[in-house]
Amino acid sequence: MNIGLIAHDSKKTLMQNFCIAYRGILSKHNLFATGTTGRLIEEVTNLSVHKYLAGPLGGKQQLGAQIAQNDIDALIFLRDPQSPKPHEPEVNDVIRLCDMHNIPMATNLATAEIIVLAIDRGDLDWREMYR
C-alpha cells in the first residue's frame, strides 16, 4: 500500500510518535510525505520515506497529484484546525481529491490509527485492484 503523510508544524511531533508506535505496520508499506514531515519521520523511525518538497513549496501539490492519479491508498494529514499558520498546506483540496478517488483520509490521531490498523488487517487490499 502507498500511504501519504502530511503534518502541520504543531502536529509534526505527534506524527513522529504515531510513526514510532506503528513502525512495524508502516515498514511493510510505501510511505510518501511532504519534505519536512518525511525527514522528521525518517530521523526517529529509520523508515524509508519518499519525500516531496516541503508543503509550502509545493509538496502538498505533488502529493495531491499522486492522489489524483489514484496512486495513494490512504492519507494521514494531521492538521491543526485551531491555529494553522499561513504557510501550512490547506486541507480542503486534499479532502476533495481523496473523496473523488475513494481514498481513506485521516485528519486526526484516532482516525489515523483506525486506517493503519485496517491496512494491517487487509481491509483496504481492494485498492490494489484499481492501480
N, C-alpha and C. Protein backbone atom coordinates (compact mmCIF):
# COMPACT_ATOMS: atom_id res chain seq x y z
N MET A 1 0.84 -1.18 0.00
CA MET A 1 0.00 0.00 0.00
C MET A 1 0.88 1.24 0.00
N ASN A 2 0.39 2.27 -0.63
CA ASN A 2 1.07 3.57 -0.64
C ASN A 2 0.35 4.49 0.34
N ILE A 3 1.07 4.93 1.36
CA ILE A 3 0.48 5.74 2.42
C ILE A 3 1.10 7.14 2.38
N GLY A 4 0.25 8.16 2.29
CA GLY A 4 0.70 9.54 2.30
C GLY A 4 0.66 10.11 3.72
N LEU A 5 1.66 10.94 4.04
CA LEU A 5 1.78 11.52 5.38
C LEU A 5 2.06 13.01 5.28
N ILE A 6 1.21 13.82 5.93
CA ILE A 6 1.40 15.27 5.98
C ILE A 6 1.09 15.70 7.41
N ALA A 7 1.82 16.68 7.93
CA ALA A 7 1.51 17.20 9.27
C ALA A 7 1.80 18.69 9.33
N HIS A 8 0.87 19.44 9.87
CA HIS A 8 1.13 20.84 10.17
C HIS A 8 2.22 20.93 11.23
N ASP A 9 2.87 22.08 11.32
CA ASP A 9 4.01 22.23 12.22
C ASP A 9 3.72 21.78 13.65
N SER A 10 2.59 22.18 14.19
CA SER A 10 2.28 21.85 15.58
C SER A 10 1.93 20.37 15.77
N LYS A 11 1.79 19.62 14.68
CA LYS A 11 1.44 18.20 14.75
C LYS A 11 2.59 17.28 14.31
N LYS A 12 3.74 17.87 13.98
CA LYS A 12 4.86 17.05 13.49
C LYS A 12 5.36 16.07 14.54
N THR A 13 5.45 16.50 15.79
CA THR A 13 5.89 15.59 16.86
C THR A 13 4.87 14.47 17.04
N LEU A 14 3.60 14.79 16.96
CA LEU A 14 2.55 13.78 17.05
C LEU A 14 2.70 12.78 15.90
N MET A 15 2.99 13.26 14.70
CA MET A 15 3.20 12.37 13.55
C MET A 15 4.40 11.46 13.79
N GLN A 16 5.49 12.03 14.33
CA GLN A 16 6.66 11.22 14.64
C GLN A 16 6.30 10.11 15.63
N ASN A 17 5.59 10.47 16.70
CA ASN A 17 5.21 9.49 17.71
C ASN A 17 4.26 8.43 17.14
N PHE A 18 3.36 8.85 16.28
CA PHE A 18 2.46 7.92 15.61
C PHE A 18 3.26 6.92 14.79
N CYS A 19 4.23 7.40 14.04
CA CYS A 19 5.03 6.53 13.19
C CYS A 19 5.94 5.61 14.00
N ILE A 20 6.39 6.08 15.15
CA ILE A 20 7.16 5.21 16.06
C ILE A 20 6.25 4.08 16.55
N ALA A 21 5.05 4.44 16.99
CA ALA A 21 4.11 3.46 17.54
C ALA A 21 3.70 2.41 16.51
N TYR A 22 3.55 2.81 15.25
CA TYR A 22 3.08 1.91 14.21
C TYR A 22 4.17 1.55 13.21
N ARG A 23 5.41 1.68 13.64
CA ARG A 23 6.55 1.40 12.77
C ARG A 23 6.47 0.01 12.15
N GLY A 24 6.09 -0.97 12.94
CA GLY A 24 6.00 -2.34 12.45
C GLY A 24 5.05 -2.49 11.28
N ILE A 25 3.94 -1.79 11.32
CA ILE A 25 2.97 -1.83 10.22
C ILE A 25 3.45 -0.98 9.05
N LEU A 26 3.88 0.25 9.35
CA LEU A 26 4.29 1.18 8.30
C LEU A 26 5.48 0.65 7.50
N SER A 27 6.35 -0.13 8.13
CA SER A 27 7.55 -0.63 7.46
C SER A 27 7.21 -1.60 6.32
N LYS A 28 6.00 -2.11 6.29
CA LYS A 28 5.58 -3.05 5.25
C LYS A 28 5.02 -2.34 4.02
N HIS A 29 4.97 -1.01 4.06
CA HIS A 29 4.30 -0.25 3.01
C HIS A 29 5.20 0.86 2.47
N ASN A 30 4.77 1.46 1.36
CA ASN A 30 5.49 2.58 0.77
C ASN A 30 4.96 3.87 1.38
N LEU A 31 5.86 4.68 1.93
CA LEU A 31 5.47 5.92 2.59
C LEU A 31 5.88 7.11 1.73
N PHE A 32 4.97 8.08 1.63
CA PHE A 32 5.18 9.30 0.87
C PHE A 32 4.83 10.47 1.79
N ALA A 33 5.66 11.49 1.80
CA ALA A 33 5.40 12.61 2.71
C ALA A 33 5.93 13.91 2.13
N THR A 34 5.37 15.00 2.64
CA THR A 34 5.96 16.30 2.31
C THR A 34 7.34 16.34 2.98
N GLY A 35 8.20 17.21 2.48
CA GLY A 35 9.62 17.18 2.81
C GLY A 35 9.99 17.16 4.28
N THR A 36 9.55 18.16 5.02
CA THR A 36 9.95 18.25 6.42
C THR A 36 9.35 17.11 7.23
N THR A 37 8.08 16.83 7.00
CA THR A 37 7.44 15.72 7.72
C THR A 37 8.16 14.41 7.45
N GLY A 38 8.48 14.15 6.19
CA GLY A 38 9.18 12.92 5.84
C GLY A 38 10.55 12.82 6.49
N ARG A 39 11.29 13.92 6.49
CA ARG A 39 12.61 13.91 7.12
C ARG A 39 12.52 13.62 8.61
N LEU A 40 11.56 14.25 9.27
CA LEU A 40 11.39 14.05 10.71
C LEU A 40 10.98 12.61 11.03
N ILE A 41 10.13 12.02 10.19
CA ILE A 41 9.73 10.62 10.40
C ILE A 41 10.94 9.71 10.24
N GLU A 42 11.72 9.94 9.19
CA GLU A 42 12.91 9.11 8.96
C GLU A 42 13.88 9.20 10.14
N GLU A 43 14.06 10.41 10.67
CA GLU A 43 15.02 10.60 11.76
C GLU A 43 14.69 9.76 12.99
N VAL A 44 13.40 9.63 13.32
CA VAL A 44 13.05 8.94 14.56
C VAL A 44 12.67 7.48 14.37
N THR A 45 12.35 7.07 13.14
CA THR A 45 11.88 5.70 12.93
C THR A 45 12.82 4.84 12.11
N ASN A 46 13.70 5.47 11.37
CA ASN A 46 14.57 4.77 10.43
C ASN A 46 13.76 4.10 9.30
N LEU A 47 12.53 4.57 9.09
CA LEU A 47 11.72 4.10 7.97
C LEU A 47 12.16 4.84 6.71
N SER A 48 11.96 4.21 5.58
CA SER A 48 12.25 4.85 4.31
C SER A 48 11.00 5.61 3.86
N VAL A 49 11.16 6.91 3.60
CA VAL A 49 10.04 7.75 3.20
C VAL A 49 10.40 8.47 1.92
N HIS A 50 9.54 8.36 0.90
CA HIS A 50 9.74 9.16 -0.31
C HIS A 50 9.30 10.58 0.02
N LYS A 51 10.23 11.51 -0.07
CA LYS A 51 9.94 12.88 0.33
C LYS A 51 9.74 13.79 -0.88
N TYR A 52 8.63 14.52 -0.84
CA TYR A 52 8.38 15.56 -1.82
C TYR A 52 8.97 16.86 -1.29
N LEU A 53 8.71 17.94 -1.96
CA LEU A 53 9.10 19.25 -1.45
C LEU A 53 8.37 19.51 -0.14
N ALA A 54 8.84 20.49 0.61
CA ALA A 54 8.12 20.90 1.81
C ALA A 54 6.72 21.36 1.39
N GLY A 55 5.74 21.20 2.28
CA GLY A 55 4.36 21.54 1.97
C GLY A 55 4.18 22.90 1.32
N PRO A 56 4.72 23.98 1.94
CA PRO A 56 4.50 25.31 1.36
C PRO A 56 5.24 25.54 0.04
N LEU A 57 6.19 24.68 -0.28
CA LEU A 57 6.97 24.83 -1.51
C LEU A 57 6.45 23.97 -2.65
N GLY A 58 5.29 23.34 -2.43
CA GLY A 58 4.69 22.54 -3.49
C GLY A 58 4.54 21.06 -3.17
N GLY A 59 5.01 20.64 -2.01
CA GLY A 59 4.92 19.23 -1.64
C GLY A 59 3.49 18.73 -1.54
N LYS A 60 2.60 19.56 -1.02
CA LYS A 60 1.20 19.15 -0.93
C LYS A 60 0.62 18.95 -2.33
N GLN A 61 1.01 19.81 -3.28
CA GLN A 61 0.53 19.67 -4.65
C GLN A 61 1.11 18.40 -5.30
N GLN A 62 2.38 18.09 -4.99
CA GLN A 62 2.97 16.87 -5.54
C GLN A 62 2.23 15.63 -5.01
N LEU A 63 1.97 15.63 -3.72
CA LEU A 63 1.22 14.51 -3.14
C LEU A 63 -0.21 14.50 -3.68
N GLY A 64 -0.80 15.69 -3.87
CA GLY A 64 -2.14 15.79 -4.45
C GLY A 64 -2.20 15.21 -5.85
N ALA A 65 -1.15 15.41 -6.62
CA ALA A 65 -1.11 14.84 -7.98
C ALA A 65 -1.09 13.32 -7.91
N GLN A 66 -0.39 12.78 -6.95
CA GLN A 66 -0.35 11.33 -6.80
C GLN A 66 -1.73 10.80 -6.36
N ILE A 67 -2.42 11.57 -5.52
CA ILE A 67 -3.79 11.21 -5.12
C ILE A 67 -4.70 11.24 -6.35
N ALA A 68 -4.58 12.30 -7.15
CA ALA A 68 -5.43 12.44 -8.35
C ALA A 68 -5.20 11.31 -9.34
N GLN A 69 -4.01 10.74 -9.36
CA GLN A 69 -3.71 9.61 -10.24
C GLN A 69 -4.06 8.28 -9.59
N ASN A 70 -4.65 8.35 -8.40
CA ASN A 70 -5.06 7.16 -7.64
C ASN A 70 -3.87 6.30 -7.24
N ASP A 71 -2.73 6.93 -6.99
CA ASP A 71 -1.51 6.21 -6.60
C ASP A 71 -1.28 6.19 -5.10
N ILE A 72 -2.15 6.83 -4.34
CA ILE A 72 -2.06 6.80 -2.87
C ILE A 72 -3.27 6.00 -2.38
N ASP A 73 -3.03 5.07 -1.45
CA ASP A 73 -4.11 4.22 -0.95
C ASP A 73 -4.74 4.74 0.33
N ALA A 74 -4.01 5.54 1.08
CA ALA A 74 -4.53 6.14 2.31
C ALA A 74 -3.69 7.37 2.61
N LEU A 75 -4.33 8.37 3.21
CA LEU A 75 -3.63 9.61 3.55
C LEU A 75 -3.86 9.95 5.01
N ILE A 76 -2.78 10.28 5.69
CA ILE A 76 -2.86 10.77 7.06
C ILE A 76 -2.36 12.20 7.03
N PHE A 77 -3.24 13.14 7.32
CA PHE A 77 -2.94 14.56 7.29
C PHE A 77 -3.28 15.11 8.68
N LEU A 78 -2.29 15.09 9.57
CA LEU A 78 -2.51 15.61 10.92
C LEU A 78 -2.44 17.12 10.86
N ARG A 79 -3.58 17.76 11.07
CA ARG A 79 -3.66 19.19 10.90
C ARG A 79 -4.01 19.89 12.20
N ASP A 80 -3.73 21.16 12.25
CA ASP A 80 -4.06 21.98 13.41
C ASP A 80 -5.20 22.90 13.02
N PRO A 81 -6.44 22.53 13.35
CA PRO A 81 -7.58 23.35 12.93
C PRO A 81 -7.72 24.65 13.74
N GLN A 82 -7.09 24.72 14.90
CA GLN A 82 -7.26 25.90 15.74
C GLN A 82 -6.30 27.02 15.42
N SER A 83 -5.10 26.69 15.04
CA SER A 83 -4.14 27.77 14.77
C SER A 83 -3.23 27.44 13.59
N PRO A 84 -3.83 27.26 12.41
CA PRO A 84 -2.99 26.98 11.24
C PRO A 84 -2.15 28.22 10.89
N LYS A 85 -0.96 27.95 10.43
CA LYS A 85 -0.08 29.04 10.02
C LYS A 85 -0.30 29.32 8.54
N PRO A 86 -0.07 30.57 8.12
CA PRO A 86 -0.33 30.93 6.71
C PRO A 86 0.45 30.09 5.70
N HIS A 87 1.65 29.61 6.07
CA HIS A 87 2.46 28.85 5.12
C HIS A 87 2.09 27.37 5.08
N GLU A 88 1.22 26.91 5.97
CA GLU A 88 0.90 25.49 6.02
C GLU A 88 -0.13 25.12 4.95
N PRO A 89 -0.04 23.89 4.47
CA PRO A 89 -0.96 23.46 3.41
C PRO A 89 -2.41 23.49 3.87
N GLU A 90 -3.27 23.89 2.96
CA GLU A 90 -4.72 23.88 3.19
C GLU A 90 -5.21 22.44 2.97
N VAL A 91 -6.13 22.02 3.78
CA VAL A 91 -6.56 20.63 3.75
C VAL A 91 -7.76 20.39 2.83
N ASN A 92 -8.56 21.39 2.54
CA ASN A 92 -9.82 21.17 1.82
C ASN A 92 -9.64 20.59 0.42
N ASP A 93 -8.64 21.04 -0.33
CA ASP A 93 -8.46 20.49 -1.68
C ASP A 93 -7.99 19.04 -1.63
N VAL A 94 -7.21 18.69 -0.61
CA VAL A 94 -6.76 17.30 -0.46
C VAL A 94 -7.95 16.41 -0.06
N ILE A 95 -8.80 16.91 0.83
CA ILE A 95 -10.01 16.15 1.20
C ILE A 95 -10.86 15.90 -0.04
N ARG A 96 -11.03 16.93 -0.86
CA ARG A 96 -11.82 16.79 -2.09
C ARG A 96 -11.24 15.71 -3.00
N LEU A 97 -9.93 15.72 -3.20
CA LEU A 97 -9.29 14.71 -4.05
C LEU A 97 -9.49 13.30 -3.48
N CYS A 98 -9.31 13.16 -2.17
CA CYS A 98 -9.49 11.85 -1.55
C CYS A 98 -10.93 11.37 -1.70
N ASP A 99 -11.87 12.27 -1.54
CA ASP A 99 -13.28 11.90 -1.70
C ASP A 99 -13.58 11.50 -3.15
N MET A 100 -13.01 12.21 -4.10
CA MET A 100 -13.25 11.91 -5.51
C MET A 100 -12.74 10.51 -5.88
N HIS A 101 -11.64 10.08 -5.24
CA HIS A 101 -11.00 8.82 -5.61
C HIS A 101 -11.18 7.72 -4.56
N ASN A 102 -12.09 7.96 -3.60
CA ASN A 102 -12.38 6.96 -2.56
C ASN A 102 -11.12 6.53 -1.81
N ILE A 103 -10.31 7.50 -1.45
CA ILE A 103 -9.09 7.24 -0.71
C ILE A 103 -9.33 7.60 0.76
N PRO A 104 -9.19 6.63 1.66
CA PRO A 104 -9.40 6.93 3.08
C PRO A 104 -8.40 7.97 3.56
N MET A 105 -8.91 8.93 4.34
CA MET A 105 -8.06 10.02 4.82
C MET A 105 -8.35 10.28 6.30
N ALA A 106 -7.30 10.43 7.06
CA ALA A 106 -7.41 10.78 8.48
C ALA A 106 -6.89 12.19 8.68
N THR A 107 -7.60 12.96 9.49
CA THR A 107 -7.13 14.30 9.84
C THR A 107 -6.86 14.42 11.33
N ASN A 108 -6.96 13.30 12.04
CA ASN A 108 -6.66 13.30 13.47
C ASN A 108 -6.09 11.93 13.86
N LEU A 109 -5.54 11.86 15.05
CA LEU A 109 -4.84 10.66 15.50
C LEU A 109 -5.76 9.44 15.58
N ALA A 110 -6.98 9.61 16.09
CA ALA A 110 -7.89 8.47 16.24
C ALA A 110 -8.19 7.82 14.89
N THR A 111 -8.50 8.63 13.89
CA THR A 111 -8.81 8.10 12.57
C THR A 111 -7.56 7.52 11.91
N ALA A 112 -6.42 8.13 12.16
CA ALA A 112 -5.16 7.60 11.62
C ALA A 112 -4.90 6.19 12.14
N GLU A 113 -5.16 5.97 13.42
CA GLU A 113 -4.97 4.64 14.00
C GLU A 113 -5.93 3.63 13.38
N ILE A 114 -7.17 4.04 13.17
CA ILE A 114 -8.15 3.14 12.55
C ILE A 114 -7.70 2.75 11.15
N ILE A 115 -7.23 3.72 10.37
CA ILE A 115 -6.81 3.43 9.00
C ILE A 115 -5.59 2.51 8.97
N VAL A 116 -4.60 2.78 9.80
CA VAL A 116 -3.38 1.95 9.80
C VAL A 116 -3.71 0.52 10.24
N LEU A 117 -4.56 0.38 11.24
CA LEU A 117 -4.94 -0.97 11.68
C LEU A 117 -5.77 -1.68 10.61
N ALA A 118 -6.61 -0.95 9.89
CA ALA A 118 -7.38 -1.54 8.79
C ALA A 118 -6.45 -2.01 7.67
N ILE A 119 -5.44 -1.21 7.37
CA ILE A 119 -4.45 -1.61 6.36
C ILE A 119 -3.76 -2.90 6.79
N ASP A 120 -3.40 -2.97 8.06
CA ASP A 120 -2.70 -4.15 8.57
C ASP A 120 -3.58 -5.40 8.50
N ARG A 121 -4.88 -5.25 8.70
CA ARG A 121 -5.81 -6.39 8.63
C ARG A 121 -6.11 -6.79 7.18
N GLY A 122 -5.77 -5.92 6.23
CA GLY A 122 -6.07 -6.21 4.83
C GLY A 122 -7.39 -5.64 4.36
N ASP A 123 -8.01 -4.80 5.18
CA ASP A 123 -9.32 -4.24 4.84
C ASP A 123 -9.28 -3.36 3.59
N LEU A 124 -8.12 -2.83 3.24
CA LEU A 124 -8.03 -1.94 2.08
C LEU A 124 -7.31 -2.59 0.90
N ASP A 125 -7.13 -3.90 0.95
CA ASP A 125 -6.44 -4.58 -0.15
C ASP A 125 -7.17 -4.41 -1.48
N TRP A 126 -8.47 -4.15 -1.46
CA TRP A 126 -9.22 -3.94 -2.69
C TRP A 126 -8.66 -2.77 -3.49
N ARG A 127 -7.99 -1.82 -2.83
CA ARG A 127 -7.44 -0.64 -3.54
C ARG A 127 -6.37 -1.06 -4.55
N GLU A 128 -5.66 -2.13 -4.27
CA GLU A 128 -4.59 -2.55 -5.16
C GLU A 128 -5.13 -3.03 -6.51
N MET A 129 -6.40 -3.42 -6.56
CA MET A 129 -7.01 -3.84 -7.83
C MET A 129 -7.24 -2.66 -8.75
N TYR A 130 -7.27 -1.44 -8.22
CA TYR A 130 -7.60 -0.27 -9.01
C TYR A 130 -6.39 0.55 -9.44
N ARG A 131 -5.20 0.03 -9.23
CA ARG A 131 -4.00 0.74 -9.66
C ARG A 131 -3.47 0.19 -10.93
